[in-house]
Amino acid sequence: MIYNMKDYILRKHKIGESINFDIEHDELNYADCSPTHHGLQCNHMGGSETYNEIQELCVELVNIIKKIDKLNNIY
């Protein structure tokens, strides 16, 4: 059986008081440097409906990780 696996990498790092997240994939890069800014590069044009939906999902994913960390007493 042949599997076509694609890995997503989620990185969390703390710079000073800011906790930043990076989501990486072959076709996607998302950086969350809350509260100052975030950015997305993917296969869709910025401002398109699909781009906006992908960005919203990335924001939701980062918020889920933040909530898990808070509940688990991780910085």
N, C-alpha and C. Protein backbone atom coordinates (compact mmCIF):
# COMPACT_ATOMS: atom_id res chain seq x y z
N MET A 1 0.84 -1.17 0.00
CA MET A 1 0.00 0.00 0.00
C MET A 1 0.90 1.25 0.00
N ILE A 2 0.58 2.20 -0.85
CA ILE A 2 1.34 3.44 -0.94
C ILE A 2 0.53 4.56 -0.29
N TYR A 3 1.20 5.28 0.59
CA TYR A 3 0.56 6.40 1.26
C TYR A 3 1.11 7.71 0.71
N ASN A 4 0.24 8.66 0.51
CA ASN A 4 0.66 9.99 0.10
C ASN A 4 0.52 10.90 1.32
N MET A 5 1.58 10.97 2.11
CA MET A 5 1.52 11.70 3.37
C MET A 5 2.08 13.10 3.21
N LYS A 6 1.40 14.05 3.79
CA LYS A 6 1.87 15.43 3.85
C LYS A 6 1.94 15.83 5.31
N ASP A 7 3.07 16.35 5.72
CA ASP A 7 3.26 16.74 7.11
C ASP A 7 2.99 18.23 7.30
N TYR A 8 2.30 18.53 8.36
CA TYR A 8 2.16 19.90 8.83
C TYR A 8 3.06 20.04 10.04
N ILE A 9 3.78 21.14 10.12
CA ILE A 9 4.64 21.42 11.26
C ILE A 9 4.07 22.63 11.98
N LEU A 10 3.86 22.48 13.27
CA LEU A 10 3.39 23.58 14.12
C LEU A 10 4.50 23.89 15.11
N ARG A 11 4.98 25.11 15.07
CA ARG A 11 6.03 25.54 15.98
C ARG A 11 5.49 26.64 16.88
N LYS A 12 5.89 26.59 18.14
CA LYS A 12 5.53 27.62 19.11
C LYS A 12 6.82 28.11 19.74
N HIS A 13 7.01 29.42 19.76
CA HIS A 13 8.20 29.95 20.38
C HIS A 13 7.87 31.26 21.08
N LYS A 14 8.61 31.53 22.12
CA LYS A 14 8.38 32.73 22.93
C LYS A 14 9.55 33.68 22.73
N ILE A 15 9.22 34.92 22.36
CA ILE A 15 10.20 35.98 22.20
C ILE A 15 9.78 37.10 23.13
N GLY A 16 10.53 37.28 24.22
CA GLY A 16 10.13 38.25 25.23
C GLY A 16 8.81 37.82 25.84
N GLU A 17 7.82 38.68 25.79
CA GLU A 17 6.49 38.35 26.31
C GLU A 17 5.56 37.82 25.22
N SER A 18 6.02 37.84 23.98
CA SER A 18 5.20 37.43 22.85
C SER A 18 5.35 35.94 22.58
N ILE A 19 4.23 35.24 22.44
CA ILE A 19 4.23 33.83 22.06
C ILE A 19 3.81 33.75 20.60
N ASN A 20 4.67 33.20 19.78
CA ASN A 20 4.44 33.15 18.34
C ASN A 20 4.24 31.72 17.88
N PHE A 21 3.47 31.57 16.80
CA PHE A 21 3.19 30.27 16.22
C PHE A 21 3.50 30.30 14.73
N ASP A 22 4.03 29.21 14.23
CA ASP A 22 4.23 29.02 12.79
C ASP A 22 3.57 27.70 12.41
N ILE A 23 2.83 27.72 11.32
CA ILE A 23 2.27 26.51 10.73
C ILE A 23 2.90 26.40 9.36
N GLU A 24 3.54 25.26 9.10
CA GLU A 24 4.24 25.08 7.83
C GLU A 24 3.78 23.80 7.14
N HIS A 25 3.74 23.88 5.83
CA HIS A 25 3.37 22.76 4.97
C HIS A 25 4.03 23.04 3.63
N ASP A 26 4.12 22.06 2.78
CA ASP A 26 4.72 22.27 1.45
C ASP A 26 4.06 23.43 0.72
N GLU A 27 2.77 23.60 0.89
CA GLU A 27 2.02 24.59 0.13
C GLU A 27 1.43 25.69 1.00
N LEU A 28 1.89 25.82 2.26
CA LEU A 28 1.28 26.79 3.16
C LEU A 28 2.29 27.22 4.22
N ASN A 29 2.35 28.51 4.47
CA ASN A 29 3.12 29.07 5.59
C ASN A 29 2.23 30.08 6.29
N TYR A 30 2.05 29.90 7.59
CA TYR A 30 1.26 30.83 8.38
C TYR A 30 2.06 31.20 9.62
N ALA A 31 2.11 32.48 9.92
CA ALA A 31 2.80 32.95 11.12
C ALA A 31 1.84 33.79 11.93
N ASP A 32 1.76 33.50 13.22
CA ASP A 32 0.93 34.27 14.14
C ASP A 32 1.86 34.89 15.18
N CYS A 33 2.00 36.19 15.13
CA CYS A 33 2.84 36.93 16.07
C CYS A 33 1.93 37.83 16.90
N SER A 34 0.92 37.22 17.49
CA SER A 34 -0.08 37.97 18.26
C SER A 34 0.56 38.76 19.37
N PRO A 35 0.06 39.87 19.73
CA PRO A 35 -1.13 40.50 19.15
C PRO A 35 -0.81 41.44 17.99
N THR A 36 0.43 41.49 17.55
CA THR A 36 0.81 42.52 16.59
C THR A 36 0.42 42.20 15.15
N HIS A 37 0.66 40.98 14.67
CA HIS A 37 0.34 40.69 13.28
C HIS A 37 0.36 39.19 13.00
N HIS A 38 -0.15 38.84 11.83
CA HIS A 38 -0.06 37.47 11.33
C HIS A 38 0.06 37.54 9.81
N GLY A 39 0.46 36.43 9.21
CA GLY A 39 0.60 36.41 7.76
C GLY A 39 0.40 35.01 7.21
N LEU A 40 -0.04 34.95 5.96
CA LEU A 40 -0.31 33.67 5.32
C LEU A 40 0.21 33.69 3.90
N GLN A 41 0.86 32.60 3.50
CA GLN A 41 1.21 32.35 2.11
C GLN A 41 0.66 30.98 1.77
N CYS A 42 -0.12 30.93 0.69
CA CYS A 42 -0.68 29.65 0.25
C CYS A 42 -0.89 29.71 -1.26
N ASN A 43 -1.60 28.74 -1.79
CA ASN A 43 -1.81 28.65 -3.24
C ASN A 43 -2.94 29.53 -3.76
N HIS A 44 -3.44 30.45 -2.96
CA HIS A 44 -4.56 31.30 -3.37
C HIS A 44 -4.20 32.76 -3.20
N MET A 45 -4.82 33.60 -3.97
CA MET A 45 -4.56 35.03 -3.93
C MET A 45 -5.14 35.63 -2.65
N GLY A 46 -4.35 36.53 -2.03
CA GLY A 46 -4.84 37.23 -0.85
C GLY A 46 -6.13 37.97 -1.14
N GLY A 47 -7.07 37.87 -0.22
CA GLY A 47 -8.36 38.52 -0.39
C GLY A 47 -9.42 37.65 -1.04
N SER A 48 -9.01 36.53 -1.65
CA SER A 48 -10.01 35.64 -2.24
C SER A 48 -10.77 34.92 -1.12
N GLU A 49 -11.92 34.41 -1.45
CA GLU A 49 -12.75 33.71 -0.46
C GLU A 49 -12.02 32.51 0.13
N THR A 50 -11.34 31.74 -0.71
CA THR A 50 -10.62 30.55 -0.24
C THR A 50 -9.45 30.96 0.65
N TYR A 51 -8.70 31.97 0.24
CA TYR A 51 -7.59 32.47 1.05
C TYR A 51 -8.09 32.89 2.42
N ASN A 52 -9.16 33.67 2.45
CA ASN A 52 -9.71 34.15 3.72
C ASN A 52 -10.16 32.99 4.61
N GLU A 53 -10.75 31.97 4.00
CA GLU A 53 -11.19 30.80 4.78
C GLU A 53 -9.99 30.05 5.36
N ILE A 54 -8.94 29.87 4.56
CA ILE A 54 -7.73 29.21 5.05
C ILE A 54 -7.13 30.01 6.21
N GLN A 55 -7.08 31.32 6.06
CA GLN A 55 -6.52 32.17 7.12
C GLN A 55 -7.35 32.06 8.40
N GLU A 56 -8.66 32.07 8.27
CA GLU A 56 -9.53 31.93 9.45
C GLU A 56 -9.30 30.59 10.14
N LEU A 57 -9.12 29.52 9.37
CA LEU A 57 -8.87 28.21 9.95
C LEU A 57 -7.52 28.16 10.67
N CYS A 58 -6.51 28.82 10.11
CA CYS A 58 -5.21 28.89 10.78
C CYS A 58 -5.32 29.64 12.10
N VAL A 59 -6.07 30.73 12.11
CA VAL A 59 -6.28 31.49 13.35
C VAL A 59 -6.99 30.60 14.37
N GLU A 60 -8.01 29.88 13.95
CA GLU A 60 -8.74 28.98 14.85
C GLU A 60 -7.81 27.90 15.40
N LEU A 61 -6.96 27.34 14.55
CA LEU A 61 -6.03 26.29 14.99
C LEU A 61 -5.08 26.82 16.05
N VAL A 62 -4.52 28.01 15.83
CA VAL A 62 -3.63 28.62 16.82
C VAL A 62 -4.39 28.87 18.12
N ASN A 63 -5.62 29.34 18.03
CA ASN A 63 -6.41 29.59 19.24
C ASN A 63 -6.71 28.30 20.00
N ILE A 64 -6.92 27.20 19.28
CA ILE A 64 -7.13 25.91 19.94
C ILE A 64 -5.87 25.49 20.69
N ILE A 65 -4.71 25.63 20.06
CA ILE A 65 -3.44 25.28 20.72
C ILE A 65 -3.21 26.16 21.94
N LYS A 66 -3.50 27.45 21.83
CA LYS A 66 -3.35 28.35 22.98
C LYS A 66 -4.25 27.91 24.13
N LYS A 67 -5.47 27.51 23.81
CA LYS A 67 -6.41 27.07 24.87
C LYS A 67 -5.93 25.78 25.51
N ILE A 68 -5.46 24.84 24.70
CA ILE A 68 -4.92 23.59 25.24
C ILE A 68 -3.75 23.88 26.17
N ASP A 69 -2.83 24.74 25.73
CA ASP A 69 -1.68 25.09 26.57
C ASP A 69 -2.11 25.73 27.87
N LYS A 70 -3.09 26.62 27.82
CA LYS A 70 -3.57 27.28 29.03
C LYS A 70 -4.17 26.27 30.00
N LEU A 71 -4.99 25.36 29.48
CA LEU A 71 -5.60 24.33 30.32
C LEU A 71 -4.56 23.37 30.88
N ASN A 72 -3.48 23.18 30.14
CA ASN A 72 -2.44 22.24 30.55
C ASN A 72 -1.30 22.94 31.29
N ASN A 73 -1.49 24.21 31.64
CA ASN A 73 -0.51 24.99 32.39
C ASN A 73 0.84 25.09 31.70
N ILE A 74 0.82 25.28 30.38
CA ILE A 74 2.03 25.48 29.59
C ILE A 74 2.05 26.95 29.19
N TYR A 75 3.26 27.57 29.22
CA TYR A 75 3.33 29.00 28.91
C TYR A 75 2.65 29.32 27.61
